[in-house]
Amino acid sequence: EPANLREARKEFEAELALNPGDSVAEYQVGQILLAEQDRTGAAARFEKAVSLNPIFAEALVALARVKSDEKKYSEAITLLERAVKLQPASESAHYSLMLAYRNAGRTEDAQREKAVIDKLKRPPEGEFTDFLKKLGEKAPKQ
């Protein structure tokens, strides 16, 4: 809803007026601008969020996606490599990195990221997983 987005943006802008160093509010405004198809404005907000908080992985990923959409793959890859170092279990960061590698023609790197994603999707091994497997093998009692 455009009206809801405008209202949310107004609230985040009010927060930024009180606290200009709020990286999360900058990121949220960027997400709203992205939803409104303002990629340039969104990128500026994501860049500001990252400058305020260099370890804000979600902002790094969001900025990298905009860079990828602009076919600036090397910039996107640099941002995404930072993001996966900060959040190694983030499937979305690894997925975005896989796509950026692929689009940049770095097939082997893309395949490596795909393997990481597959590993992240696998359930952890252990007693509870074994219990769930056994539970799934039994037919329900009538």
N, C-alpha and C. Protein backbone atom coordinates (compact mmCIF):
# COMPACT_ATOMS: atom_id res chain seq x y z
N GLU A 1 0.83 -1.19 0.00
CA GLU A 1 0.00 0.00 0.00
C GLU A 1 0.88 1.25 0.00
N PRO A 2 0.77 2.08 -1.01
CA PRO A 2 1.57 3.31 -1.06
C PRO A 2 1.38 4.22 0.15
N ALA A 3 0.14 4.33 0.64
CA ALA A 3 -0.12 5.19 1.80
C ALA A 3 0.61 4.67 3.03
N ASN A 4 0.60 3.35 3.21
CA ASN A 4 1.30 2.74 4.35
C ASN A 4 2.80 2.97 4.25
N LEU A 5 3.34 2.86 3.03
CA LEU A 5 4.77 3.09 2.83
C LEU A 5 5.13 4.54 3.15
N ARG A 6 4.28 5.47 2.69
CA ARG A 6 4.54 6.89 2.97
C ARG A 6 4.53 7.15 4.47
N GLU A 7 3.55 6.55 5.16
CA GLU A 7 3.44 6.74 6.61
C GLU A 7 4.65 6.15 7.32
N ALA A 8 5.05 4.95 6.92
CA ALA A 8 6.22 4.31 7.54
C ALA A 8 7.47 5.14 7.28
N ARG A 9 7.61 5.63 6.06
CA ARG A 9 8.79 6.44 5.74
C ARG A 9 8.82 7.70 6.59
N LYS A 10 7.64 8.33 6.78
CA LYS A 10 7.57 9.54 7.60
C LYS A 10 8.04 9.25 9.02
N GLU A 11 7.64 8.09 9.55
CA GLU A 11 8.05 7.72 10.91
C GLU A 11 9.56 7.48 11.00
N PHE A 12 10.12 6.78 10.01
CA PHE A 12 11.57 6.55 10.01
C PHE A 12 12.34 7.86 9.83
N GLU A 13 11.82 8.76 8.99
CA GLU A 13 12.47 10.06 8.80
C GLU A 13 12.43 10.86 10.10
N ALA A 14 11.32 10.76 10.84
CA ALA A 14 11.22 11.45 12.14
C ALA A 14 12.25 10.88 13.11
N GLU A 15 12.42 9.56 13.09
CA GLU A 15 13.43 8.92 13.94
C GLU A 15 14.82 9.42 13.57
N LEU A 16 15.08 9.54 12.27
CA LEU A 16 16.40 10.01 11.81
C LEU A 16 16.64 11.47 12.18
N ALA A 17 15.58 12.26 12.24
CA ALA A 17 15.73 13.66 12.65
C ALA A 17 16.19 13.73 14.11
N LEU A 18 15.68 12.80 14.92
CA LEU A 18 16.07 12.73 16.33
C LEU A 18 17.41 12.04 16.53
N ASN A 19 17.66 11.02 15.71
CA ASN A 19 18.85 10.19 15.86
C ASN A 19 19.47 9.94 14.48
N PRO A 20 20.24 10.90 13.96
CA PRO A 20 20.78 10.77 12.60
C PRO A 20 21.74 9.59 12.42
N GLY A 21 22.19 8.99 13.50
CA GLY A 21 23.10 7.86 13.40
C GLY A 21 22.41 6.51 13.43
N ASP A 22 21.10 6.49 13.23
CA ASP A 22 20.33 5.24 13.30
C ASP A 22 20.42 4.49 11.98
N SER A 23 21.33 3.52 11.92
CA SER A 23 21.56 2.78 10.68
C SER A 23 20.34 1.95 10.29
N VAL A 24 19.61 1.44 11.27
CA VAL A 24 18.43 0.62 10.96
C VAL A 24 17.34 1.47 10.30
N ALA A 25 17.13 2.68 10.80
CA ALA A 25 16.14 3.57 10.19
C ALA A 25 16.56 3.92 8.75
N GLU A 26 17.85 4.17 8.53
CA GLU A 26 18.33 4.43 7.16
C GLU A 26 18.04 3.23 6.25
N TYR A 27 18.32 2.04 6.76
CA TYR A 27 18.07 0.80 6.01
C TYR A 27 16.58 0.67 5.68
N GLN A 28 15.72 0.93 6.67
CA GLN A 28 14.28 0.80 6.46
C GLN A 28 13.78 1.79 5.41
N VAL A 29 14.28 3.03 5.46
CA VAL A 29 13.91 4.01 4.43
C VAL A 29 14.38 3.50 3.06
N GLY A 30 15.56 2.92 3.02
CA GLY A 30 16.05 2.33 1.77
C GLY A 30 15.13 1.25 1.25
N GLN A 31 14.65 0.40 2.14
CA GLN A 31 13.72 -0.67 1.72
C GLN A 31 12.42 -0.08 1.17
N ILE A 32 11.94 0.98 1.82
CA ILE A 32 10.71 1.64 1.35
C ILE A 32 10.94 2.24 -0.03
N LEU A 33 12.08 2.94 -0.20
CA LEU A 33 12.39 3.53 -1.51
C LEU A 33 12.51 2.45 -2.58
N LEU A 34 13.07 1.32 -2.23
CA LEU A 34 13.18 0.20 -3.17
C LEU A 34 11.79 -0.27 -3.58
N ALA A 35 10.89 -0.40 -2.61
CA ALA A 35 9.51 -0.81 -2.91
C ALA A 35 8.81 0.21 -3.80
N GLU A 36 9.22 1.48 -3.69
CA GLU A 36 8.65 2.54 -4.52
C GLU A 36 9.41 2.70 -5.85
N GLN A 37 10.30 1.76 -6.14
CA GLN A 37 11.07 1.74 -7.39
C GLN A 37 12.09 2.87 -7.50
N ASP A 38 12.49 3.46 -6.37
CA ASP A 38 13.53 4.50 -6.37
C ASP A 38 14.86 3.84 -5.99
N ARG A 39 15.49 3.20 -6.97
CA ARG A 39 16.72 2.44 -6.72
C ARG A 39 17.88 3.36 -6.32
N THR A 40 17.95 4.53 -6.93
CA THR A 40 19.04 5.46 -6.61
C THR A 40 18.92 5.94 -5.17
N GLY A 41 17.71 6.33 -4.79
CA GLY A 41 17.48 6.77 -3.41
C GLY A 41 17.73 5.65 -2.42
N ALA A 42 17.28 4.44 -2.79
CA ALA A 42 17.48 3.28 -1.91
C ALA A 42 18.97 3.01 -1.72
N ALA A 43 19.72 3.03 -2.82
CA ALA A 43 21.16 2.76 -2.73
C ALA A 43 21.84 3.78 -1.82
N ALA A 44 21.43 5.05 -1.93
CA ALA A 44 22.03 6.09 -1.08
C ALA A 44 21.75 5.80 0.40
N ARG A 45 20.53 5.35 0.70
CA ARG A 45 20.18 5.04 2.09
C ARG A 45 20.93 3.81 2.59
N PHE A 46 21.06 2.79 1.74
CA PHE A 46 21.81 1.60 2.14
C PHE A 46 23.28 1.95 2.37
N GLU A 47 23.84 2.79 1.50
CA GLU A 47 25.23 3.22 1.68
C GLU A 47 25.40 3.97 2.99
N LYS A 48 24.43 4.82 3.31
CA LYS A 48 24.49 5.58 4.57
C LYS A 48 24.40 4.61 5.75
N ALA A 49 23.51 3.62 5.67
CA ALA A 49 23.37 2.63 6.75
C ALA A 49 24.69 1.89 6.97
N VAL A 50 25.35 1.50 5.88
CA VAL A 50 26.62 0.79 5.97
C VAL A 50 27.72 1.71 6.51
N SER A 51 27.69 2.99 6.13
CA SER A 51 28.72 3.90 6.64
C SER A 51 28.53 4.13 8.14
N LEU A 52 27.28 4.14 8.60
CA LEU A 52 27.00 4.30 10.03
C LEU A 52 27.33 3.04 10.82
N ASN A 53 27.13 1.89 10.17
CA ASN A 53 27.35 0.60 10.85
C ASN A 53 27.98 -0.37 9.85
N PRO A 54 29.31 -0.39 9.75
CA PRO A 54 30.00 -1.22 8.74
C PRO A 54 29.77 -2.73 8.89
N ILE A 55 29.22 -3.17 10.02
CA ILE A 55 28.98 -4.61 10.19
C ILE A 55 27.49 -4.94 10.08
N PHE A 56 26.71 -4.07 9.45
CA PHE A 56 25.27 -4.26 9.25
C PHE A 56 25.09 -5.11 7.99
N ALA A 57 25.08 -6.43 8.18
CA ALA A 57 25.09 -7.37 7.05
C ALA A 57 23.88 -7.20 6.13
N GLU A 58 22.69 -6.99 6.70
CA GLU A 58 21.49 -6.86 5.87
C GLU A 58 21.60 -5.65 4.94
N ALA A 59 22.17 -4.56 5.44
CA ALA A 59 22.35 -3.37 4.61
C ALA A 59 23.38 -3.63 3.51
N LEU A 60 24.43 -4.38 3.84
CA LEU A 60 25.42 -4.75 2.83
C LEU A 60 24.77 -5.56 1.71
N VAL A 61 23.92 -6.53 2.09
CA VAL A 61 23.24 -7.37 1.10
C VAL A 61 22.29 -6.52 0.25
N ALA A 62 21.53 -5.65 0.89
CA ALA A 62 20.58 -4.81 0.15
C ALA A 62 21.31 -3.91 -0.85
N LEU A 63 22.39 -3.29 -0.41
CA LEU A 63 23.18 -2.44 -1.30
C LEU A 63 23.77 -3.26 -2.44
N ALA A 64 24.26 -4.44 -2.12
CA ALA A 64 24.85 -5.31 -3.14
C ALA A 64 23.82 -5.73 -4.19
N ARG A 65 22.58 -5.97 -3.76
CA ARG A 65 21.53 -6.35 -4.72
C ARG A 65 21.26 -5.21 -5.70
N VAL A 66 21.26 -3.97 -5.19
CA VAL A 66 21.08 -2.82 -6.08
C VAL A 66 22.25 -2.74 -7.06
N LYS A 67 23.47 -2.94 -6.55
CA LYS A 67 24.66 -2.91 -7.42
C LYS A 67 24.57 -4.01 -8.48
N SER A 68 24.12 -5.20 -8.09
CA SER A 68 23.97 -6.30 -9.05
C SER A 68 22.94 -5.95 -10.12
N ASP A 69 21.83 -5.35 -9.70
CA ASP A 69 20.81 -4.94 -10.66
C ASP A 69 21.35 -3.93 -11.66
N GLU A 70 22.33 -3.14 -11.22
CA GLU A 70 22.99 -2.16 -12.10
C GLU A 70 24.14 -2.79 -12.88
N LYS A 71 24.29 -4.11 -12.74
CA LYS A 71 25.36 -4.88 -13.39
C LYS A 71 26.75 -4.48 -12.91
N LYS A 72 26.83 -3.95 -11.70
CA LYS A 72 28.11 -3.60 -11.07
C LYS A 72 28.52 -4.78 -10.18
N TYR A 73 28.84 -5.89 -10.84
CA TYR A 73 29.04 -7.14 -10.12
C TYR A 73 30.25 -7.13 -9.20
N SER A 74 31.34 -6.49 -9.60
CA SER A 74 32.52 -6.51 -8.73
C SER A 74 32.24 -5.75 -7.43
N GLU A 75 31.50 -4.64 -7.52
CA GLU A 75 31.12 -3.91 -6.30
C GLU A 75 30.20 -4.77 -5.44
N ALA A 76 29.24 -5.42 -6.08
CA ALA A 76 28.30 -6.28 -5.36
C ALA A 76 29.04 -7.42 -4.67
N ILE A 77 29.97 -8.03 -5.37
CA ILE A 77 30.72 -9.16 -4.81
C ILE A 77 31.51 -8.72 -3.59
N THR A 78 32.16 -7.57 -3.66
CA THR A 78 32.92 -7.06 -2.51
C THR A 78 32.02 -6.89 -1.30
N LEU A 79 30.85 -6.30 -1.50
CA LEU A 79 29.90 -6.09 -0.40
C LEU A 79 29.39 -7.43 0.15
N LEU A 80 29.07 -8.35 -0.76
CA LEU A 80 28.52 -9.64 -0.33
C LEU A 80 29.55 -10.51 0.36
N GLU A 81 30.80 -10.43 -0.08
CA GLU A 81 31.85 -11.18 0.62
C GLU A 81 31.99 -10.68 2.06
N ARG A 82 31.84 -9.37 2.25
CA ARG A 82 31.84 -8.82 3.63
C ARG A 82 30.65 -9.36 4.41
N ALA A 83 29.48 -9.38 3.76
CA ALA A 83 28.26 -9.82 4.44
C ALA A 83 28.35 -11.28 4.88
N VAL A 84 28.87 -12.16 4.02
CA VAL A 84 28.94 -13.58 4.41
C VAL A 84 30.00 -13.82 5.48
N LYS A 85 31.02 -12.97 5.53
CA LYS A 85 31.98 -13.08 6.64
C LYS A 85 31.32 -12.69 7.95
N LEU A 86 30.46 -11.67 7.90
CA LEU A 86 29.76 -11.21 9.10
C LEU A 86 28.66 -12.18 9.53
N GLN A 87 27.96 -12.77 8.56
CA GLN A 87 26.87 -13.70 8.85
C GLN A 87 27.03 -14.95 7.99
N PRO A 88 27.92 -15.85 8.40
CA PRO A 88 28.20 -17.03 7.58
C PRO A 88 27.00 -17.96 7.39
N ALA A 89 25.98 -17.86 8.24
CA ALA A 89 24.82 -18.74 8.12
C ALA A 89 23.67 -18.08 7.34
N SER A 90 23.90 -16.92 6.76
CA SER A 90 22.85 -16.21 6.03
C SER A 90 22.68 -16.78 4.62
N GLU A 91 21.58 -17.52 4.43
CA GLU A 91 21.31 -18.08 3.11
C GLU A 91 21.13 -16.98 2.07
N SER A 92 20.45 -15.89 2.45
CA SER A 92 20.19 -14.83 1.47
C SER A 92 21.49 -14.16 1.03
N ALA A 93 22.43 -13.99 1.94
CA ALA A 93 23.72 -13.39 1.57
C ALA A 93 24.49 -14.33 0.64
N HIS A 94 24.51 -15.61 0.97
CA HIS A 94 25.21 -16.58 0.11
C HIS A 94 24.52 -16.69 -1.25
N TYR A 95 23.18 -16.67 -1.26
CA TYR A 95 22.45 -16.76 -2.52
C TYR A 95 22.75 -15.56 -3.41
N SER A 96 22.72 -14.36 -2.81
CA SER A 96 23.03 -13.15 -3.58
C SER A 96 24.46 -13.19 -4.10
N LEU A 97 25.38 -13.70 -3.27
CA LEU A 97 26.78 -13.81 -3.70
C LEU A 97 26.91 -14.82 -4.84
N MET A 98 26.19 -15.94 -4.74
CA MET A 98 26.22 -16.94 -5.80
C MET A 98 25.77 -16.31 -7.13
N LEU A 99 24.67 -15.55 -7.09
CA LEU A 99 24.16 -14.91 -8.31
C LEU A 99 25.15 -13.88 -8.85
N ALA A 100 25.75 -13.10 -7.97
CA ALA A 100 26.71 -12.09 -8.42
C ALA A 100 27.93 -12.75 -9.06
N TYR A 101 28.42 -13.83 -8.43
CA TYR A 101 29.54 -14.57 -9.04
C TYR A 101 29.15 -15.09 -10.42
N ARG A 102 27.96 -15.70 -10.49
CA ARG A 102 27.51 -16.27 -11.76
C ARG A 102 27.41 -15.18 -12.83
N ASN A 103 26.78 -14.06 -12.47
CA ASN A 103 26.61 -12.98 -13.43
C ASN A 103 27.93 -12.34 -13.84
N ALA A 104 28.93 -12.43 -12.97
CA ALA A 104 30.26 -11.89 -13.29
C ALA A 104 31.11 -12.91 -14.06
N GLY A 105 30.54 -14.09 -14.33
CA GLY A 105 31.27 -15.11 -15.06
C GLY A 105 32.21 -15.94 -14.20
N ARG A 106 32.06 -15.84 -12.90
CA ARG A 106 32.92 -16.59 -11.97
C ARG A 106 32.21 -17.89 -11.56
N THR A 107 32.14 -18.81 -12.50
CA THR A 107 31.36 -20.04 -12.34
C THR A 107 31.82 -20.89 -11.16
N GLU A 108 33.12 -21.07 -11.01
CA GLU A 108 33.61 -21.91 -9.90
C GLU A 108 33.24 -21.31 -8.56
N ASP A 109 33.36 -20.00 -8.42
CA ASP A 109 32.98 -19.34 -7.17
C ASP A 109 31.47 -19.49 -6.94
N ALA A 110 30.69 -19.37 -8.00
CA ALA A 110 29.23 -19.53 -7.88
C ALA A 110 28.90 -20.95 -7.42
N GLN A 111 29.58 -21.94 -7.97
CA GLN A 111 29.34 -23.34 -7.56
C GLN A 111 29.73 -23.55 -6.10
N ARG A 112 30.79 -22.92 -5.67
CA ARG A 112 31.21 -23.03 -4.27
C ARG A 112 30.12 -22.45 -3.35
N GLU A 113 29.57 -21.30 -3.73
CA GLU A 113 28.51 -20.69 -2.92
C GLU A 113 27.26 -21.57 -2.92
N LYS A 114 26.96 -22.20 -4.05
CA LYS A 114 25.81 -23.11 -4.12
C LYS A 114 25.99 -24.25 -3.14
N ALA A 115 27.20 -24.77 -3.04
CA ALA A 115 27.49 -25.85 -2.09
C ALA A 115 27.29 -25.37 -0.65
N VAL A 116 27.68 -24.14 -0.38
CA VAL A 116 27.48 -23.57 0.97
C VAL A 116 25.99 -23.48 1.27
N ILE A 117 25.22 -23.01 0.30
CA ILE A 117 23.77 -22.88 0.49
C ILE A 117 23.15 -24.25 0.74
N ASP A 118 23.54 -25.24 -0.05
CA ASP A 118 23.01 -26.60 0.14
C ASP A 118 23.33 -27.12 1.53
N LYS A 119 24.53 -26.83 2.00
CA LYS A 119 24.94 -27.28 3.33
C LYS A 119 24.12 -26.56 4.41
N LEU A 120 23.86 -25.28 4.22
CA LEU A 120 23.07 -24.52 5.19
C LEU A 120 21.63 -25.03 5.26
N LYS A 121 21.11 -25.52 4.15
CA LYS A 121 19.73 -26.00 4.11
C LYS A 121 19.56 -27.38 4.75
N ARG A 122 20.65 -28.14 4.83
CA ARG A 122 20.59 -29.48 5.40
C ARG A 122 20.31 -29.41 6.89
N PRO A 123 19.44 -30.28 7.39
CA PRO A 123 19.20 -30.26 8.84
C PRO A 123 20.45 -30.72 9.59
N PRO A 124 20.65 -30.19 10.77
CA PRO A 124 21.82 -30.61 11.55
C PRO A 124 21.71 -32.08 11.93
N GLU A 125 22.84 -32.73 12.02
CA GLU A 125 22.86 -34.13 12.44
C GLU A 125 22.82 -34.18 13.96
N GLY A 126 22.27 -35.25 14.47
CA GLY A 126 22.25 -35.39 15.92
C GLY A 126 21.07 -36.22 16.37
N GLU A 127 20.96 -36.36 17.67
CA GLU A 127 19.93 -37.19 18.27
C GLU A 127 18.53 -36.76 17.86
N PHE A 128 18.26 -35.46 17.93
CA PHE A 128 16.92 -34.97 17.63
C PHE A 128 16.58 -35.21 16.16
N THR A 129 17.54 -34.99 15.25
CA THR A 129 17.31 -35.23 13.83
C THR A 129 17.03 -36.71 13.59
N ASP A 130 17.79 -37.58 14.24
CA ASP A 130 17.55 -39.02 14.12
C ASP A 130 16.15 -39.38 14.61
N PHE A 131 15.74 -38.77 15.73
CA PHE A 131 14.42 -39.01 16.28
C PHE A 131 13.34 -38.60 15.26
N LEU A 132 13.51 -37.43 14.65
CA LEU A 132 12.53 -36.95 13.67
C LEU A 132 12.48 -37.86 12.45
N LYS A 133 13.65 -38.35 12.01
CA LYS A 133 13.68 -39.27 10.87
C LYS A 133 12.90 -40.54 11.19
N LYS A 134 13.14 -41.10 12.38
CA LYS A 134 12.44 -42.33 12.78
C LYS A 134 10.95 -42.08 12.90
N LEU A 135 10.59 -40.93 13.44
CA LEU A 135 9.19 -40.57 13.60
C LEU A 135 8.51 -40.51 12.24
N GLY A 136 9.20 -39.95 11.25
CA GLY A 136 8.65 -39.83 9.91
C GLY A 136 8.54 -41.15 9.18
N GLU A 137 9.30 -42.18 9.61
CA GLU A 137 9.28 -43.48 8.94
C GLU A 137 8.11 -44.35 9.40
N LYS A 138 7.58 -44.06 10.57
CA LYS A 138 6.51 -44.91 11.12
C LYS A 138 5.16 -44.50 10.56
N ALA A 139 4.36 -45.52 10.26
CA ALA A 139 2.99 -45.25 9.81
C ALA A 139 2.16 -44.82 11.02
N PRO A 140 1.24 -43.89 10.81
CA PRO A 140 0.41 -43.48 11.94
C PRO A 140 -0.46 -44.64 12.42
N LYS A 141 -0.68 -44.71 13.73
CA LYS A 141 -1.51 -45.78 14.30
C LYS A 141 -2.97 -45.49 14.00
N GLN A 142 -3.67 -46.56 13.69
CA GLN A 142 -5.11 -46.44 13.39
C GLN A 142 -5.94 -46.57 14.62
